[in-house]
């Protein structure tokens, strides 16, 4: 089950509140400052919810990618002379292309999820929400800053070819953003499940 859906369902009714133009015009001029502050906080809240919706989609798509991985592996196994390995010369080019597209999508979705999680954490901090008690979240935010947003030649860099793990139970595929698997926590979505 998608861990973001509980939150999204709980805020759904609050996010549907809409201002009518007549209601905005009826506001007393002495309350404009309060109205503007409320309007800005509402927009900010909508932005947080919108980003959580993106993460929800990422989670679902990573689960779907897990299923697609097994389909691709089955297609690659077709017409092989030995069950011990895969002779790529016997794999149709369309299947190899599908595997490459799968890897690209996996890394794009994972990187996007890191950016959105970091953005949400920064937004929550502006509301004085304390997030320092979660070591996985701290690792994720530092990984995003050091390896995705601010890479430096001669500094700590991610590996060009990173690993991934595919869940057999329909859970999300977990891709290493940094390539430091020995230091990598259980995955960006594992602690949410």
Protein backbone atom coordinates (compact mmCIF):
# COMPACT_ATOMS: atom_id res chain seq x y z
CA UNK A 1 0.00 0.00 0.00
CA UNK A 2 1.18 3.47 -0.86
CA UNK A 3 2.28 5.22 2.37
CA UNK A 4 1.42 8.66 1.00
CA UNK A 5 -2.26 7.89 0.37
CA UNK A 6 -3.20 8.10 4.06
CA UNK A 7 -1.94 11.66 4.22
CA UNK A 8 -3.50 12.61 0.89
CA UNK A 9 -6.89 11.24 1.91
CA UNK A 10 -6.75 13.07 5.24
CA UNK A 11 -6.12 16.47 3.63
CA UNK A 12 -8.38 16.05 0.60
CA UNK A 13 -11.40 17.89 2.02
CA UNK A 14 -9.30 20.78 3.36
CA UNK A 15 -7.66 21.28 -0.04
CA UNK A 16 -11.01 21.61 -1.81
CA UNK A 17 -11.88 24.90 -0.14
CA UNK A 18 -12.12 27.55 -2.83
CA UNK A 19 -12.64 31.27 -2.60
CA UNK A 20 -15.38 32.83 -4.65
CA UNK A 21 -14.57 36.20 -6.22
CA UNK A 22 -17.52 37.76 -4.40
CA UNK A 23 -16.15 36.58 -1.05
CA UNK A 24 -12.77 38.15 -1.79
CA UNK A 25 -14.36 41.46 -2.72
CA UNK A 26 -16.43 41.45 0.48
CA UNK A 27 -13.37 41.40 2.74
CA UNK A 28 -13.06 44.45 4.92
CA UNK A 29 -10.00 46.55 3.93
CA UNK A 30 -8.73 46.40 7.50
CA UNK A 31 -8.34 42.62 7.15
CA UNK A 32 -6.40 42.61 3.85
CA UNK A 33 -3.09 41.88 5.55
CA UNK A 34 -4.59 38.90 7.40
CA UNK A 35 -6.31 37.75 4.21
CA UNK A 36 -3.05 37.97 2.24
CA UNK A 37 -1.11 36.04 4.89
CA UNK A 38 -3.82 33.36 4.96
CA UNK A 39 -3.84 33.22 1.15
CA UNK A 40 -0.04 32.74 1.06
CA UNK A 41 -0.17 29.99 3.68
CA UNK A 42 -2.96 28.25 1.74
CA UNK A 43 -0.88 28.34 -1.44
CA UNK A 44 2.11 27.02 0.48
CA UNK A 45 -0.04 24.21 1.90
CA UNK A 46 -1.27 23.35 -1.58
CA UNK A 47 2.33 23.21 -2.77
CA UNK A 48 3.25 20.75 0.00
CA UNK A 49 0.25 18.55 -0.85
CA UNK A 50 1.05 18.76 -4.56
CA UNK A 51 4.60 17.54 -3.88
CA UNK A 52 3.29 14.68 -1.75
CA UNK A 53 1.03 13.72 -4.65
CA UNK A 54 4.15 13.60 -6.85
CA UNK A 55 5.85 11.32 -4.32
CA UNK A 56 2.76 9.13 -4.22
CA UNK A 57 2.96 8.76 -7.97
CA UNK A 58 6.71 7.98 -7.72
CA UNK A 59 6.03 5.27 -5.14
CA UNK A 60 3.35 3.66 -7.32
CA UNK A 61 5.54 3.89 -10.41
CA UNK A 62 8.51 2.32 -8.59
CA UNK A 63 6.23 -0.58 -7.63
CA UNK A 64 5.16 -0.93 -11.27
CA UNK A 65 8.80 -0.86 -12.35
CA UNK A 66 9.42 -3.83 -10.08
CA UNK A 67 6.85 -5.83 -12.00
CA UNK A 68 8.23 -4.62 -15.32
CA UNK A 69 11.71 -5.75 -14.27
CA UNK A 70 10.54 -9.35 -14.07
CA UNK A 71 8.80 -9.06 -17.44
CA UNK A 72 12.02 -7.77 -19.01
CA UNK A 73 14.05 -10.55 -17.38
CA UNK A 74 11.60 -13.16 -18.69
CA UNK A 75 11.84 -11.67 -22.19
CA UNK A 76 15.64 -11.72 -22.00
CA UNK A 77 15.58 -15.39 -20.95
CA UNK A 78 13.67 -16.42 -24.07
CA UNK A 79 15.71 -18.30 -26.70
CA UNK A 80 18.72 -18.71 -24.42
CA UNK A 81 20.77 -21.88 -24.85
CA UNK A 82 21.64 -22.07 -21.15
CA UNK A 83 19.59 -21.08 -18.09
CA UNK A 84 22.84 -20.05 -16.30
CA UNK A 85 23.20 -16.68 -18.01
CA UNK A 86 21.97 -14.37 -20.69
CA UNK A 87 23.67 -14.20 -24.05
CA UNK A 88 22.81 -10.66 -25.18
CA UNK A 89 23.33 -11.60 -28.83
CA UNK A 90 20.20 -13.77 -28.51
CA UNK A 91 18.09 -11.00 -26.98
CA UNK A 92 15.99 -8.92 -29.39
CA UNK A 93 17.14 -5.27 -29.63
CA UNK A 94 13.67 -4.11 -28.53
CA UNK A 95 14.07 -5.98 -25.22
CA UNK A 96 17.53 -4.49 -24.65
CA UNK A 97 16.12 -1.03 -25.40
CA UNK A 98 13.25 -1.67 -22.98
CA UNK A 99 15.76 -2.57 -20.24
CA UNK A 100 17.74 0.64 -20.90
CA UNK A 101 14.54 2.70 -20.77
CA UNK A 102 13.61 0.92 -17.54
CA UNK A 103 16.95 1.88 -15.95
CA UNK A 104 16.63 5.48 -17.11
CA UNK A 105 13.13 5.81 -15.73
CA UNK A 106 14.19 4.21 -12.45
CA UNK A 107 17.00 6.72 -11.96
CA UNK A 108 14.90 9.71 -13.05
CA UNK A 109 12.05 8.83 -10.69
CA UNK A 110 14.44 8.13 -7.81
CA UNK A 111 16.31 11.42 -8.29
CA UNK A 112 13.01 13.31 -8.58
CA UNK A 113 11.78 11.68 -5.36
CA UNK A 114 14.96 12.78 -3.57
CA UNK A 115 14.43 16.37 -4.73
CA UNK A 116 10.77 16.41 -3.70
CA UNK A 117 11.42 14.85 -0.30
CA UNK A 118 14.15 17.42 0.38
CA UNK A 119 11.84 20.23 -0.76
CA UNK A 120 9.01 19.02 1.47
CA UNK A 121 11.37 18.77 4.45
CA UNK A 122 12.57 22.33 3.85
CA UNK A 123 8.98 23.52 3.59
CA UNK A 124 8.00 21.74 6.80
CA UNK A 125 10.97 23.29 8.59
CA UNK A 126 9.61 26.72 7.69
CA UNK A 127 6.58 25.71 9.76
CA UNK A 128 8.94 24.70 12.61
CA UNK A 129 8.29 20.98 12.12
CA UNK A 130 11.18 19.07 13.70
CA UNK A 131 12.57 16.35 11.42
CA UNK A 132 15.98 15.66 12.98
CA UNK A 133 14.85 12.43 14.69
CA UNK A 134 14.86 10.39 11.48
CA UNK A 135 18.38 9.32 10.41
CA UNK A 136 17.14 7.94 7.06
CA UNK A 137 15.66 11.32 6.22
CA UNK A 138 18.87 13.12 7.17
CA UNK A 139 20.88 10.74 4.98
CA UNK A 140 18.48 11.26 2.10
CA UNK A 141 18.68 15.05 2.33
CA UNK A 142 22.48 15.04 2.51
CA UNK A 143 22.67 12.60 -0.39
CA UNK A 144 20.45 14.86 -2.46
CA UNK A 145 22.60 17.89 -1.66
CA UNK A 146 25.98 16.25 -2.17
CA UNK A 147 25.37 13.87 -5.03
CA UNK A 148 22.44 15.27 -7.02
CA UNK A 149 22.33 19.03 -6.51
CA UNK A 150 25.98 19.99 -5.88
CA UNK A 151 28.39 17.45 -7.44
CA UNK A 152 32.04 18.53 -7.57
CA UNK A 153 35.01 17.18 -9.47
CA UNK A 154 37.54 15.98 -6.93
CA UNK A 155 34.91 15.84 -4.21
CA UNK A 156 32.65 13.05 -3.09
CA UNK A 157 30.89 11.84 -6.22
CA UNK A 158 28.28 9.24 -7.01
CA UNK A 159 29.20 6.26 -9.13
CA UNK A 160 28.14 6.37 -12.76
CA UNK A 161 26.62 2.88 -12.56
CA UNK A 162 24.55 2.51 -9.44
CA UNK A 163 22.82 -0.53 -8.09
CA UNK A 164 19.16 -1.22 -7.50
CA UNK A 165 17.15 -3.83 -5.67
CA UNK A 166 13.86 -5.25 -6.84
CA UNK A 167 11.28 -6.38 -4.33
CA UNK A 168 9.61 -9.74 -4.91
CA UNK A 169 6.46 -8.68 -3.01
CA UNK A 170 5.39 -5.86 -5.34
CA UNK A 171 7.10 -3.17 -3.29
CA UNK A 172 9.00 -0.31 -4.88
CA UNK A 173 12.30 -0.77 -6.70
CA UNK A 174 15.05 0.89 -4.69
CA UNK A 175 17.79 2.57 -6.68
CA UNK A 176 20.98 3.80 -5.09
CA UNK A 177 21.37 7.46 -5.94
CA UNK A 178 24.92 7.64 -4.67
CA UNK A 179 26.35 4.20 -5.37
CA UNK A 180 27.47 3.83 -1.76
CA UNK A 181 25.45 0.74 -1.00
CA UNK A 182 27.42 -0.20 2.09
CA UNK A 183 26.36 3.09 3.68
CA UNK A 184 22.93 3.32 2.11
CA UNK A 185 20.01 3.04 4.52
CA UNK A 186 17.18 0.68 3.74
CA UNK A 187 15.91 2.82 0.86
CA UNK A 188 13.95 6.00 0.49
CA UNK A 189 10.56 4.37 0.70
CA UNK A 190 11.24 1.32 2.87
CA UNK A 191 10.90 3.21 6.15
CA UNK A 192 7.55 4.56 4.96
CA UNK A 193 6.00 1.15 4.32
